[in-house]
Amino acid sequence: QYQQLCSHPDNLGNIVKINGNNNRQKIIICPFTQCSNILVRNPSASSGYYDIHLSNGSVITVYCDMDGNNCDGEGGWIRVAQLNMSEPGATCPPGLTLQNYNNIDHSLCGRSSYGCNSTFFSTYGLNYTKVCGKVRGYQFGHIDAFGTGTNNIDSEYVDGISITYGSNPRQHIWTYAGGYSEFQNGGRNCPCNNGSSVVVPNFVGNDYYCESGPGQSRILYV
């Protein structure tokens, strides 16, 4: 009964009174379970940190993007991860390696060697249907887009960034690929190049963005 009352959007965040046995009145507070719940109750809510309740009864503090400027413009998004190495004191998450270059004033996170390096961000067990975000890519040396010679989501199928969810098997969300040059059409360039014969892995489909670099660069290129 409590769950049914608290699942109604109008009751979220409110105190609800229930008449129980012997006309005794019970008072419950319906908790917020998503950032979008908070925005429904208070359309003028600003972006910031809020407490939300998980289905197991625990309470966590999350950052809510209430204006949606980094997403769809609608707001109510829970921030799962943020990695901005230009911020003071920023560090790389486990799985990624700290790297420094002469022509940029802050450190970056990347892979330690050829192959894949991964990091994991928790979604707190919350159900979700959409993911949004922003990725900035950097190039140093030779980049190969989808020309790595593999077609397996658990391998180095792209020279770039792969965003996935779940495990055994992982599911693809979106890929950022870096192509060697916009003026060539070989296998290590973007599929959108003129005359390209590059085949995008089936599990990627159309959920990717490929950007060409300046060829082989021995300085860091943004």
N, C-alpha and C. Protein backbone atom coordinates (compact mmCIF):
# COMPACT_ATOMS: atom_id res chain seq x y z
N GLN A 1 0.83 -1.19 0.00
CA GLN A 1 0.00 0.00 0.00
C GLN A 1 0.88 1.25 0.00
N TYR A 2 1.91 1.26 0.82
CA TYR A 2 2.80 2.41 0.87
C TYR A 2 3.46 2.62 -0.49
N GLN A 3 3.91 1.51 -1.10
CA GLN A 3 4.58 1.61 -2.39
C GLN A 3 3.66 2.18 -3.45
N GLN A 4 2.40 1.77 -3.42
CA GLN A 4 1.45 2.28 -4.40
C GLN A 4 1.23 3.77 -4.23
N LEU A 5 1.15 4.22 -3.00
CA LEU A 5 0.96 5.64 -2.74
C LEU A 5 2.18 6.45 -3.19
N CYS A 6 3.35 5.92 -2.89
CA CYS A 6 4.57 6.67 -3.16
C CYS A 6 5.00 6.57 -4.61
N SER A 7 4.39 5.68 -5.36
CA SER A 7 4.74 5.60 -6.76
C SER A 7 4.01 6.65 -7.59
N HIS A 8 3.04 7.30 -7.00
CA HIS A 8 2.31 8.35 -7.72
C HIS A 8 3.16 9.62 -7.72
N PRO A 9 3.42 10.22 -8.87
CA PRO A 9 4.31 11.39 -8.95
C PRO A 9 3.90 12.53 -8.04
N ASP A 10 2.60 12.73 -7.83
CA ASP A 10 2.14 13.84 -7.00
C ASP A 10 2.51 13.66 -5.53
N ASN A 11 2.80 12.43 -5.11
CA ASN A 11 3.11 12.18 -3.71
C ASN A 11 4.61 12.19 -3.41
N LEU A 12 5.45 12.13 -4.44
CA LEU A 12 6.89 12.05 -4.21
C LEU A 12 7.38 13.29 -3.47
N GLY A 13 8.12 13.05 -2.39
CA GLY A 13 8.66 14.14 -1.59
C GLY A 13 7.67 14.73 -0.60
N ASN A 14 6.45 14.23 -0.59
CA ASN A 14 5.41 14.76 0.29
C ASN A 14 5.17 13.85 1.49
N ILE A 15 4.58 14.42 2.51
CA ILE A 15 4.10 13.65 3.66
C ILE A 15 2.70 13.14 3.35
N VAL A 16 2.49 11.85 3.53
CA VAL A 16 1.20 11.23 3.23
C VAL A 16 0.63 10.63 4.51
N LYS A 17 -0.62 10.89 4.77
CA LYS A 17 -1.29 10.36 5.96
C LYS A 17 -2.21 9.21 5.55
N ILE A 18 -2.14 8.11 6.32
CA ILE A 18 -2.96 6.93 6.02
C ILE A 18 -3.74 6.56 7.28
N ASN A 19 -5.02 6.36 7.13
CA ASN A 19 -5.84 5.90 8.25
C ASN A 19 -5.72 4.39 8.37
N GLY A 20 -5.18 3.94 9.50
CA GLY A 20 -4.98 2.52 9.72
C GLY A 20 -6.06 1.92 10.59
N ASN A 21 -5.75 0.76 11.21
CA ASN A 21 -6.71 0.10 12.10
C ASN A 21 -7.01 0.96 13.31
N ASN A 22 -8.22 0.81 13.83
CA ASN A 22 -8.64 1.57 15.01
C ASN A 22 -8.54 3.08 14.78
N ASN A 23 -8.69 3.47 13.51
CA ASN A 23 -8.64 4.89 13.13
C ASN A 23 -7.32 5.57 13.50
N ARG A 24 -6.30 4.77 13.67
CA ARG A 24 -4.98 5.35 13.93
C ARG A 24 -4.38 5.85 12.61
N GLN A 25 -3.83 7.02 12.69
CA GLN A 25 -3.29 7.63 11.48
C GLN A 25 -1.78 7.39 11.38
N LYS A 26 -1.36 6.89 10.23
CA LYS A 26 0.06 6.67 9.98
C LYS A 26 0.57 7.73 9.02
N ILE A 27 1.74 8.20 9.29
CA ILE A 27 2.33 9.24 8.45
C ILE A 27 3.61 8.70 7.80
N ILE A 28 3.68 8.80 6.52
CA ILE A 28 4.90 8.39 5.81
C ILE A 28 5.35 9.53 4.91
N ILE A 29 6.63 9.54 4.61
CA ILE A 29 7.19 10.52 3.67
C ILE A 29 7.61 9.77 2.42
N CYS A 30 6.99 10.08 1.33
CA CYS A 30 7.33 9.41 0.07
C CYS A 30 8.67 9.93 -0.43
N PRO A 31 9.64 9.05 -0.60
CA PRO A 31 10.98 9.51 -0.97
C PRO A 31 11.11 9.74 -2.48
N PHE A 32 12.10 10.55 -2.83
CA PHE A 32 12.47 10.70 -4.24
C PHE A 32 13.36 9.53 -4.64
N THR A 33 13.09 8.97 -5.80
CA THR A 33 13.88 7.83 -6.28
C THR A 33 14.67 8.14 -7.55
N GLN A 34 14.45 9.32 -8.12
CA GLN A 34 15.17 9.75 -9.32
C GLN A 34 15.27 11.27 -9.29
N CYS A 35 16.27 11.80 -10.00
CA CYS A 35 16.36 13.26 -10.14
C CYS A 35 15.12 13.81 -10.85
N SER A 36 14.58 13.03 -11.78
CA SER A 36 13.40 13.48 -12.50
C SER A 36 12.20 13.64 -11.58
N ASN A 37 12.13 12.82 -10.50
CA ASN A 37 11.05 12.98 -9.52
C ASN A 37 11.12 14.36 -8.87
N ILE A 38 12.32 14.77 -8.53
CA ILE A 38 12.52 16.07 -7.87
C ILE A 38 12.10 17.20 -8.80
N LEU A 39 12.45 17.07 -10.07
CA LEU A 39 12.13 18.12 -11.04
C LEU A 39 10.62 18.21 -11.28
N VAL A 40 9.93 17.07 -11.23
CA VAL A 40 8.47 17.08 -11.39
C VAL A 40 7.82 17.85 -10.24
N ARG A 41 8.30 17.59 -9.02
CA ARG A 41 7.73 18.26 -7.85
C ARG A 41 8.14 19.73 -7.78
N ASN A 42 9.33 20.04 -8.28
CA ASN A 42 9.83 21.42 -8.22
C ASN A 42 10.49 21.78 -9.54
N PRO A 43 9.73 22.25 -10.52
CA PRO A 43 10.27 22.54 -11.84
C PRO A 43 11.38 23.57 -11.85
N SER A 44 11.51 24.35 -10.77
CA SER A 44 12.56 25.36 -10.70
C SER A 44 13.80 24.86 -9.95
N ALA A 45 13.84 23.57 -9.62
CA ALA A 45 14.99 23.02 -8.91
C ALA A 45 16.26 23.23 -9.72
N SER A 46 17.33 23.61 -9.05
CA SER A 46 18.59 23.87 -9.73
C SER A 46 19.48 22.62 -9.71
N SER A 47 20.43 22.58 -10.59
CA SER A 47 21.37 21.45 -10.62
C SER A 47 22.20 21.45 -9.35
N GLY A 48 22.48 20.27 -8.84
CA GLY A 48 23.26 20.15 -7.61
C GLY A 48 23.09 18.77 -7.02
N TYR A 49 23.50 18.63 -5.77
CA TYR A 49 23.47 17.33 -5.09
C TYR A 49 22.17 17.15 -4.31
N TYR A 50 21.58 15.97 -4.47
CA TYR A 50 20.32 15.63 -3.80
C TYR A 50 20.39 14.21 -3.27
N ASP A 51 19.59 13.93 -2.25
CA ASP A 51 19.45 12.57 -1.71
C ASP A 51 18.31 11.87 -2.42
N ILE A 52 18.56 10.65 -2.87
CA ILE A 52 17.48 9.83 -3.43
C ILE A 52 17.50 8.47 -2.75
N HIS A 53 16.36 7.78 -2.77
CA HIS A 53 16.19 6.51 -2.09
C HIS A 53 16.23 5.37 -3.10
N LEU A 54 17.00 4.34 -2.79
CA LEU A 54 17.06 3.17 -3.64
C LEU A 54 15.98 2.17 -3.23
N SER A 55 15.73 1.18 -4.09
CA SER A 55 14.68 0.21 -3.82
C SER A 55 14.97 -0.65 -2.59
N ASN A 56 16.27 -0.75 -2.20
CA ASN A 56 16.63 -1.55 -1.02
C ASN A 56 16.52 -0.75 0.28
N GLY A 57 16.06 0.49 0.18
CA GLY A 57 15.86 1.31 1.37
C GLY A 57 17.01 2.23 1.71
N SER A 58 18.16 2.06 1.05
CA SER A 58 19.30 2.92 1.35
C SER A 58 19.16 4.26 0.65
N VAL A 59 19.88 5.24 1.16
CA VAL A 59 19.84 6.61 0.63
C VAL A 59 21.22 6.97 0.10
N ILE A 60 21.27 7.52 -1.11
CA ILE A 60 22.54 7.95 -1.68
C ILE A 60 22.42 9.41 -2.11
N THR A 61 23.56 10.07 -2.16
CA THR A 61 23.62 11.45 -2.64
C THR A 61 24.15 11.45 -4.06
N VAL A 62 23.41 12.05 -4.97
CA VAL A 62 23.80 12.08 -6.38
C VAL A 62 23.75 13.52 -6.88
N TYR A 63 24.46 13.74 -7.98
CA TYR A 63 24.39 15.05 -8.63
C TYR A 63 23.29 14.99 -9.69
N CYS A 64 22.36 15.93 -9.64
CA CYS A 64 21.25 16.00 -10.59
C CYS A 64 21.46 17.16 -11.55
N ASP A 65 21.44 16.86 -12.83
CA ASP A 65 21.48 17.89 -13.87
C ASP A 65 20.03 18.28 -14.17
N MET A 66 19.63 19.44 -13.69
CA MET A 66 18.23 19.83 -13.77
C MET A 66 17.91 20.70 -14.98
N ASP A 67 18.92 21.16 -15.72
CA ASP A 67 18.62 21.97 -16.90
C ASP A 67 18.84 21.21 -18.20
N GLY A 68 19.57 20.10 -18.14
CA GLY A 68 19.77 19.27 -19.31
C GLY A 68 20.64 19.88 -20.38
N ASN A 69 21.45 20.88 -20.04
CA ASN A 69 22.29 21.53 -21.04
C ASN A 69 23.29 20.56 -21.66
N ASN A 70 23.70 19.56 -20.90
CA ASN A 70 24.66 18.58 -21.42
C ASN A 70 23.96 17.36 -22.02
N CYS A 71 22.62 17.40 -22.04
CA CYS A 71 21.88 16.23 -22.54
C CYS A 71 20.83 16.66 -23.56
N ASP A 72 19.58 16.52 -23.21
CA ASP A 72 18.50 16.78 -24.16
C ASP A 72 17.79 18.10 -23.91
N GLY A 73 18.29 18.88 -22.93
CA GLY A 73 17.66 20.16 -22.63
C GLY A 73 16.46 20.06 -21.73
N GLU A 74 16.11 18.85 -21.29
CA GLU A 74 14.90 18.66 -20.48
C GLU A 74 15.20 18.55 -18.99
N GLY A 75 16.40 18.14 -18.61
CA GLY A 75 16.73 18.07 -17.20
C GLY A 75 16.26 16.80 -16.52
N GLY A 76 16.65 16.65 -15.25
CA GLY A 76 16.26 15.48 -14.47
C GLY A 76 17.21 14.31 -14.62
N TRP A 77 18.44 14.55 -15.04
CA TRP A 77 19.42 13.48 -15.26
C TRP A 77 20.26 13.24 -14.00
N ILE A 78 20.56 11.98 -13.73
CA ILE A 78 21.50 11.60 -12.66
C ILE A 78 22.89 11.49 -13.27
N ARG A 79 23.85 12.19 -12.70
CA ARG A 79 25.22 12.09 -13.19
C ARG A 79 25.89 10.86 -12.60
N VAL A 80 26.24 9.95 -13.47
CA VAL A 80 26.88 8.71 -13.05
C VAL A 80 28.39 8.89 -12.94
N ALA A 81 28.97 9.66 -13.85
CA ALA A 81 30.41 9.83 -13.86
C ALA A 81 30.79 11.17 -14.43
N GLN A 82 31.87 11.73 -13.93
CA GLN A 82 32.46 12.93 -14.50
C GLN A 82 33.97 12.82 -14.40
N LEU A 83 34.64 13.04 -15.50
CA LEU A 83 36.10 12.98 -15.54
C LEU A 83 36.59 14.20 -16.29
N ASN A 84 36.98 15.23 -15.57
CA ASN A 84 37.47 16.47 -16.15
C ASN A 84 38.86 16.73 -15.61
N MET A 85 39.86 16.37 -16.38
CA MET A 85 41.23 16.45 -15.89
C MET A 85 41.78 17.87 -15.84
N SER A 86 41.01 18.85 -16.33
CA SER A 86 41.46 20.24 -16.23
C SER A 86 41.12 20.84 -14.87
N GLU A 87 40.34 20.13 -14.06
CA GLU A 87 40.00 20.62 -12.74
C GLU A 87 41.14 20.37 -11.76
N PRO A 88 41.38 21.28 -10.82
CA PRO A 88 42.46 21.11 -9.85
C PRO A 88 42.28 19.83 -9.04
N GLY A 89 43.34 19.06 -8.88
CA GLY A 89 43.30 17.85 -8.07
C GLY A 89 42.66 16.66 -8.74
N ALA A 90 42.32 16.76 -10.01
CA ALA A 90 41.66 15.64 -10.72
C ALA A 90 42.62 14.47 -10.86
N THR A 91 42.09 13.27 -10.70
CA THR A 91 42.89 12.04 -10.84
C THR A 91 42.18 11.06 -11.76
N CYS A 92 42.93 10.12 -12.29
CA CYS A 92 42.35 9.11 -13.17
C CYS A 92 41.65 8.04 -12.34
N PRO A 93 40.52 7.55 -12.81
CA PRO A 93 39.84 6.45 -12.11
C PRO A 93 40.62 5.16 -12.29
N PRO A 94 40.38 4.15 -11.45
CA PRO A 94 41.07 2.87 -11.57
C PRO A 94 40.90 2.28 -12.97
N GLY A 95 41.99 1.79 -13.55
CA GLY A 95 41.94 1.19 -14.86
C GLY A 95 42.54 2.07 -15.95
N LEU A 96 42.57 3.39 -15.73
CA LEU A 96 43.16 4.31 -16.68
C LEU A 96 44.48 4.86 -16.15
N THR A 97 45.36 5.25 -17.06
CA THR A 97 46.71 5.66 -16.71
C THR A 97 46.90 7.16 -16.88
N LEU A 98 47.53 7.79 -15.91
CA LEU A 98 47.83 9.22 -15.96
C LEU A 98 48.94 9.47 -16.97
N GLN A 99 48.73 10.43 -17.87
CA GLN A 99 49.71 10.75 -18.90
C GLN A 99 49.88 12.26 -19.01
N ASN A 100 51.11 12.70 -19.33
CA ASN A 100 51.42 14.12 -19.43
C ASN A 100 52.06 14.43 -20.78
N TYR A 101 51.75 15.60 -21.32
CA TYR A 101 52.29 16.03 -22.60
C TYR A 101 52.76 17.47 -22.48
N ASN A 102 53.75 17.83 -23.32
CA ASN A 102 54.38 19.15 -23.22
C ASN A 102 53.48 20.29 -23.67
N ASN A 103 52.56 20.02 -24.60
CA ASN A 103 51.76 21.10 -25.17
C ASN A 103 50.35 21.21 -24.60
N ILE A 104 50.14 20.68 -23.41
CA ILE A 104 48.86 20.84 -22.73
C ILE A 104 49.15 21.03 -21.25
N ASP A 105 48.36 21.89 -20.59
CA ASP A 105 48.70 22.33 -19.23
C ASP A 105 48.12 21.45 -18.14
N HIS A 106 47.56 20.30 -18.48
CA HIS A 106 47.05 19.39 -17.44
C HIS A 106 47.23 17.95 -17.90
N SER A 107 47.18 17.05 -16.95
CA SER A 107 47.35 15.63 -17.24
C SER A 107 46.09 15.08 -17.90
N LEU A 108 46.23 13.91 -18.55
CA LEU A 108 45.11 13.23 -19.18
C LEU A 108 45.07 11.78 -18.71
N CYS A 109 43.96 11.12 -18.97
CA CYS A 109 43.83 9.70 -18.67
C CYS A 109 43.74 8.92 -19.97
N GLY A 110 44.41 7.80 -20.03
CA GLY A 110 44.38 6.99 -21.23
C GLY A 110 44.80 5.56 -20.96
N ARG A 111 45.07 4.83 -22.02
CA ARG A 111 45.48 3.45 -21.88
C ARG A 111 46.99 3.40 -21.67
N SER A 112 47.43 2.35 -21.02
CA SER A 112 48.85 2.23 -20.70
C SER A 112 49.67 1.69 -21.86
N SER A 113 49.04 0.92 -22.75
CA SER A 113 49.76 0.33 -23.88
C SER A 113 48.73 -0.10 -24.93
N TYR A 114 49.17 -0.77 -25.98
CA TYR A 114 48.25 -1.25 -27.01
C TYR A 114 47.25 -2.23 -26.38
N GLY A 115 46.01 -2.14 -26.81
CA GLY A 115 44.98 -3.00 -26.25
C GLY A 115 43.91 -2.15 -25.59
N CYS A 116 43.23 -2.72 -24.63
CA CYS A 116 42.12 -2.03 -23.96
C CYS A 116 42.46 -1.71 -22.52
N ASN A 117 42.06 -0.54 -22.08
CA ASN A 117 42.03 -0.20 -20.67
C ASN A 117 40.62 0.26 -20.35
N SER A 118 40.09 -0.20 -19.23
CA SER A 118 38.69 0.09 -18.91
C SER A 118 38.55 0.62 -17.50
N THR A 119 37.48 1.36 -17.29
CA THR A 119 37.10 1.77 -15.94
C THR A 119 35.60 1.57 -15.80
N PHE A 120 35.12 1.47 -14.58
CA PHE A 120 33.72 1.14 -14.31
C PHE A 120 33.10 2.24 -13.47
N PHE A 121 31.88 2.65 -13.83
CA PHE A 121 31.12 3.61 -13.05
C PHE A 121 29.78 2.99 -12.68
N SER A 122 29.44 3.05 -11.40
CA SER A 122 28.22 2.42 -10.92
C SER A 122 26.99 3.28 -11.23
N THR A 123 25.89 2.62 -11.58
CA THR A 123 24.61 3.30 -11.75
C THR A 123 23.73 3.11 -10.52
N TYR A 124 24.33 2.66 -9.42
CA TYR A 124 23.65 2.54 -8.13
C TYR A 124 22.49 1.55 -8.15
N GLY A 125 22.43 0.69 -9.15
CA GLY A 125 21.33 -0.26 -9.25
C GLY A 125 20.05 0.35 -9.78
N LEU A 126 20.10 1.59 -10.26
CA LEU A 126 18.89 2.25 -10.77
C LEU A 126 18.59 1.79 -12.19
N ASN A 127 17.32 1.68 -12.51
CA ASN A 127 16.92 1.37 -13.87
C ASN A 127 17.01 2.63 -14.73
N TYR A 128 17.42 2.48 -15.97
CA TYR A 128 17.51 3.63 -16.86
C TYR A 128 17.23 3.19 -18.29
N THR A 129 16.77 4.15 -19.08
CA THR A 129 16.44 3.87 -20.48
C THR A 129 17.25 4.72 -21.45
N LYS A 130 17.89 5.79 -20.95
CA LYS A 130 18.67 6.67 -21.81
C LYS A 130 19.98 7.03 -21.12
N VAL A 131 21.00 7.26 -21.93
CA VAL A 131 22.30 7.69 -21.43
C VAL A 131 22.74 8.89 -22.25
N CYS A 132 23.28 9.91 -21.61
CA CYS A 132 23.81 11.04 -22.36
C CYS A 132 25.15 11.42 -21.77
N GLY A 133 25.94 12.16 -22.52
CA GLY A 133 27.24 12.56 -22.02
C GLY A 133 28.03 13.33 -23.05
N LYS A 134 29.28 13.60 -22.72
CA LYS A 134 30.17 14.35 -23.59
C LYS A 134 31.56 13.71 -23.50
N VAL A 135 32.17 13.53 -24.65
CA VAL A 135 33.49 12.91 -24.72
C VAL A 135 34.42 13.81 -25.51
N ARG A 136 35.62 14.02 -25.01
CA ARG A 136 36.65 14.73 -25.76
C ARG A 136 37.79 13.76 -26.05
N GLY A 137 38.19 13.68 -27.32
CA GLY A 137 39.25 12.76 -27.71
C GLY A 137 40.55 13.49 -27.99
N TYR A 138 41.66 12.82 -27.67
CA TYR A 138 42.99 13.35 -27.94
C TYR A 138 43.77 12.32 -28.75
N GLN A 139 44.61 12.81 -29.64
CA GLN A 139 45.43 11.90 -30.45
C GLN A 139 46.91 12.15 -30.19
N PHE A 140 47.63 11.05 -30.07
CA PHE A 140 49.09 11.11 -30.06
C PHE A 140 49.59 9.88 -30.82
N GLY A 141 50.25 10.09 -31.94
CA GLY A 141 50.71 8.97 -32.75
C GLY A 141 49.70 8.58 -33.80
N HIS A 142 49.64 7.29 -34.10
CA HIS A 142 48.85 6.73 -35.20
C HIS A 142 47.51 6.23 -34.65
N ILE A 143 46.39 6.66 -35.28
CA ILE A 143 45.08 6.18 -34.84
C ILE A 143 44.42 5.39 -35.97
N ASP A 144 43.61 4.39 -35.60
CA ASP A 144 43.17 3.39 -36.56
C ASP A 144 41.66 3.23 -36.69
N ALA A 145 40.86 4.06 -36.03
CA ALA A 145 39.39 3.95 -36.10
C ALA A 145 38.95 2.51 -35.85
N PHE A 146 38.21 1.91 -36.79
CA PHE A 146 37.74 0.53 -36.64
C PHE A 146 38.66 -0.47 -37.34
N GLY A 147 39.85 -0.01 -37.72
CA GLY A 147 40.76 -0.89 -38.46
C GLY A 147 41.71 -1.68 -37.60
N THR A 148 41.26 -2.07 -36.43
CA THR A 148 42.13 -2.83 -35.52
C THR A 148 42.13 -4.32 -35.82
N GLY A 149 41.22 -4.75 -36.69
CA GLY A 149 41.20 -6.16 -37.09
C GLY A 149 40.40 -7.07 -36.19
N THR A 150 39.62 -6.52 -35.28
CA THR A 150 38.81 -7.36 -34.39
C THR A 150 37.35 -6.95 -34.48
N ASN A 151 36.46 -7.88 -34.15
CA ASN A 151 35.02 -7.63 -34.20
C ASN A 151 34.37 -8.21 -32.95
N ASN A 152 34.93 -7.86 -31.81
CA ASN A 152 34.50 -8.42 -30.54
C ASN A 152 34.41 -7.29 -29.53
N ILE A 153 33.27 -7.14 -28.89
CA ILE A 153 33.07 -6.02 -27.96
C ILE A 153 34.02 -6.09 -26.76
N ASP A 154 34.54 -7.27 -26.46
CA ASP A 154 35.47 -7.42 -25.34
C ASP A 154 36.93 -7.28 -25.77
N SER A 155 37.16 -6.88 -27.01
CA SER A 155 38.53 -6.70 -27.51
C SER A 155 38.72 -5.26 -27.95
N GLU A 156 39.90 -4.96 -28.48
CA GLU A 156 40.22 -3.59 -28.91
C GLU A 156 39.66 -3.36 -30.32
N TYR A 157 38.34 -3.32 -30.43
CA TYR A 157 37.70 -3.21 -31.75
C TYR A 157 37.77 -1.79 -32.31
N VAL A 158 38.14 -0.80 -31.50
CA VAL A 158 38.18 0.59 -31.97
C VAL A 158 39.37 1.31 -31.36
N ASP A 159 39.92 2.23 -32.12
CA ASP A 159 40.92 3.14 -31.58
C ASP A 159 40.15 4.39 -31.17
N GLY A 160 39.78 4.45 -29.92
CA GLY A 160 38.94 5.54 -29.43
C GLY A 160 38.36 5.20 -28.08
N ILE A 161 37.09 5.48 -27.90
CA ILE A 161 36.42 5.27 -26.62
C ILE A 161 35.14 4.47 -26.85
N SER A 162 34.95 3.44 -26.05
CA SER A 162 33.77 2.59 -26.14
C SER A 162 33.00 2.69 -24.82
N ILE A 163 31.71 2.96 -24.90
CA ILE A 163 30.86 3.04 -23.71
C ILE A 163 29.89 1.87 -23.76
N THR A 164 29.93 1.03 -22.74
CA THR A 164 29.10 -0.17 -22.69
C THR A 164 28.43 -0.30 -21.33
N TYR A 165 27.53 -1.26 -21.21
CA TYR A 165 26.93 -1.55 -19.91
C TYR A 165 26.75 -3.05 -19.76
N GLY A 166 26.59 -3.49 -18.51
CA GLY A 166 26.37 -4.91 -18.24
C GLY A 166 27.63 -5.73 -18.40
N SER A 167 27.45 -7.03 -18.34
CA SER A 167 28.58 -7.96 -18.45
C SER A 167 28.07 -9.33 -18.90
N ASN A 168 28.97 -10.07 -19.50
CA ASN A 168 28.71 -11.47 -19.90
C ASN A 168 27.43 -11.69 -20.70
N PRO A 169 27.26 -11.09 -21.86
CA PRO A 169 28.20 -10.18 -22.50
C PRO A 169 27.87 -8.72 -22.21
N ARG A 170 28.86 -7.86 -22.44
CA ARG A 170 28.61 -6.43 -22.35
C ARG A 170 27.71 -5.98 -23.51
N GLN A 171 26.99 -4.89 -23.30
CA GLN A 171 26.11 -4.34 -24.33
C GLN A 171 26.63 -2.97 -24.75
N HIS A 172 26.61 -2.72 -26.05
CA HIS A 172 27.17 -1.48 -26.58
C HIS A 172 26.18 -0.34 -26.43
N ILE A 173 26.70 0.84 -26.04
CA ILE A 173 25.89 2.06 -26.00
C ILE A 173 26.34 3.02 -27.10
N TRP A 174 27.62 3.36 -27.11
CA TRP A 174 28.11 4.37 -28.06
C TRP A 174 29.62 4.26 -28.17
N THR A 175 30.15 4.61 -29.34
CA THR A 175 31.59 4.55 -29.59
C THR A 175 32.06 5.86 -30.21
N TYR A 176 33.19 6.34 -29.73
CA TYR A 176 33.89 7.46 -30.36
C TYR A 176 35.15 6.90 -31.00
N ALA A 177 35.28 7.05 -32.33
CA ALA A 177 36.42 6.50 -33.06
C ALA A 177 37.26 7.61 -33.65
N GLY A 178 38.58 7.40 -33.65
CA GLY A 178 39.51 8.35 -34.25
C GLY A 178 40.11 7.76 -35.51
N GLY A 179 39.87 8.41 -36.65
CA GLY A 179 40.39 7.93 -37.92
C GLY A 179 41.73 8.58 -38.26
N TYR A 180 42.52 7.91 -39.10
CA TYR A 180 43.87 8.37 -39.40
C TYR A 180 43.86 9.68 -40.18
N SER A 181 43.09 9.76 -41.27
CA SER A 181 43.09 10.95 -42.11
C SER A 181 41.78 11.04 -42.87
N GLU A 182 41.30 12.26 -43.08
CA GLU A 182 40.06 12.43 -43.86
C GLU A 182 40.30 12.33 -45.35
N PHE A 183 41.56 12.29 -45.78
CA PHE A 183 41.89 12.28 -47.20
C PHE A 183 42.25 10.89 -47.71
N GLN A 184 42.08 9.87 -46.89
CA GLN A 184 42.35 8.51 -47.29
C GLN A 184 41.12 7.64 -47.07
N ASN A 185 41.06 6.50 -47.72
CA ASN A 185 39.89 5.63 -47.57
C ASN A 185 40.27 4.21 -47.17
N GLY A 186 41.45 4.03 -46.63
CA GLY A 186 41.88 2.71 -46.18
C GLY A 186 41.15 2.28 -44.92
N GLY A 187 41.48 1.08 -44.45
CA GLY A 187 40.78 0.47 -43.33
C GLY A 187 40.98 1.15 -42.00
N ARG A 188 41.94 2.06 -41.90
CA ARG A 188 42.21 2.72 -40.62
C ARG A 188 41.65 4.14 -40.57
N ASN A 189 40.70 4.40 -41.47
CA ASN A 189 40.08 5.72 -41.54
C ASN A 189 38.59 5.62 -41.24
N CYS A 190 37.94 6.77 -41.16
CA CYS A 190 36.52 6.80 -40.80
C CYS A 190 35.65 6.21 -41.91
N PRO A 191 34.57 5.53 -41.55
CA PRO A 191 33.68 4.94 -42.55
C PRO A 191 33.03 5.97 -43.46
N CYS A 192 32.96 7.23 -43.01
CA CYS A 192 32.29 8.26 -43.81
C CYS A 192 33.21 8.88 -44.86
N ASN A 193 34.50 8.53 -44.89
CA ASN A 193 35.40 9.07 -45.91
C ASN A 193 34.94 8.67 -47.31
N ASN A 194 35.19 9.52 -48.29
CA ASN A 194 34.83 9.21 -49.67
C ASN A 194 35.50 7.92 -50.12
N GLY A 195 34.70 7.00 -50.64
CA GLY A 195 35.23 5.75 -51.14
C GLY A 195 35.61 4.75 -50.07
N SER A 196 35.22 5.00 -48.84
CA SER A 196 35.62 4.12 -47.75
C SER A 196 34.96 2.74 -47.86
N SER A 197 35.73 1.72 -47.52
CA SER A 197 35.20 0.36 -47.48
C SER A 197 35.20 -0.18 -46.05
N VAL A 198 35.36 0.71 -45.08
CA VAL A 198 35.43 0.31 -43.68
C VAL A 198 34.09 -0.27 -43.24
N VAL A 199 34.13 -1.41 -42.56
CA VAL A 199 32.93 -2.06 -42.04
C VAL A 199 32.87 -1.85 -40.52
N VAL A 200 31.80 -1.25 -40.07
CA VAL A 200 31.60 -1.02 -38.64
C VAL A 200 31.10 -2.31 -38.00
N PRO A 201 31.62 -2.71 -36.84
CA PRO A 201 31.13 -3.93 -36.18
C PRO A 201 29.62 -3.93 -36.01
N ASN A 202 29.02 -5.11 -36.15
CA ASN A 202 27.56 -5.23 -36.07
C ASN A 202 27.00 -4.71 -34.76
N PHE A 203 27.71 -4.95 -33.67
CA PHE A 203 27.17 -4.55 -32.36
C PHE A 203 27.23 -3.04 -32.17
N VAL A 204 27.99 -2.33 -32.99
CA VAL A 204 28.06 -0.88 -32.92
C VAL A 204 26.90 -0.25 -33.69
N GLY A 205 26.61 -0.80 -34.87
CA GLY A 205 25.53 -0.26 -35.68
C GLY A 205 25.79 1.19 -36.06
N ASN A 206 24.78 2.03 -35.86
CA ASN A 206 24.91 3.47 -36.15
C ASN A 206 25.21 4.30 -34.92
N ASP A 207 25.45 3.64 -33.79
CA ASP A 207 25.66 4.35 -32.53
C ASP A 207 27.13 4.66 -32.33
N TYR A 208 27.66 5.54 -33.18
CA TYR A 208 29.07 5.92 -33.07
C TYR A 208 29.28 7.28 -33.73
N TYR A 209 30.44 7.86 -33.43
CA TYR A 209 30.89 9.07 -34.10
C TYR A 209 32.36 8.88 -34.41
N CYS A 210 32.74 9.16 -35.66
CA CYS A 210 34.13 9.01 -36.07
C CYS A 210 34.66 10.35 -36.54
N GLU A 211 35.83 10.71 -36.06
CA GLU A 211 36.46 11.99 -36.40
C GLU A 211 37.88 11.74 -36.88
N SER A 212 38.24 12.38 -37.99
CA SER A 212 39.57 12.18 -38.57
C SER A 212 40.62 13.06 -37.90
N GLY A 213 41.81 12.50 -37.72
CA GLY A 213 42.93 13.25 -37.19
C GLY A 213 43.81 13.80 -38.30
N PRO A 214 45.00 14.30 -37.94
CA PRO A 214 45.89 14.90 -38.93
C PRO A 214 46.91 13.92 -39.50
N GLY A 215 46.58 12.63 -39.51
CA GLY A 215 47.60 11.65 -39.84
C GLY A 215 48.37 11.27 -38.59
N GLN A 216 49.62 10.93 -38.70
CA GLN A 216 50.42 10.56 -37.53
C GLN A 216 50.94 11.81 -36.86
N SER A 217 50.57 12.01 -35.63
CA SER A 217 50.94 13.23 -34.90
C SER A 217 51.85 12.87 -33.72
N ARG A 218 52.99 13.55 -33.67
CA ARG A 218 53.92 13.31 -32.56
C ARG A 218 53.76 14.34 -31.44
N ILE A 219 52.76 15.22 -31.57
CA ILE A 219 52.38 16.07 -30.47
C ILE A 219 50.91 15.78 -30.17
N LEU A 220 50.48 16.14 -29.00
CA LEU A 220 49.10 15.85 -28.63
C LEU A 220 48.17 16.72 -29.49
N TYR A 221 47.16 16.06 -30.05
CA TYR A 221 46.21 16.76 -30.94
C TYR A 221 44.81 16.55 -30.38
N VAL A 222 44.07 17.66 -30.25
CA VAL A 222 42.72 17.61 -29.69
C VAL A 222 41.72 17.52 -30.85
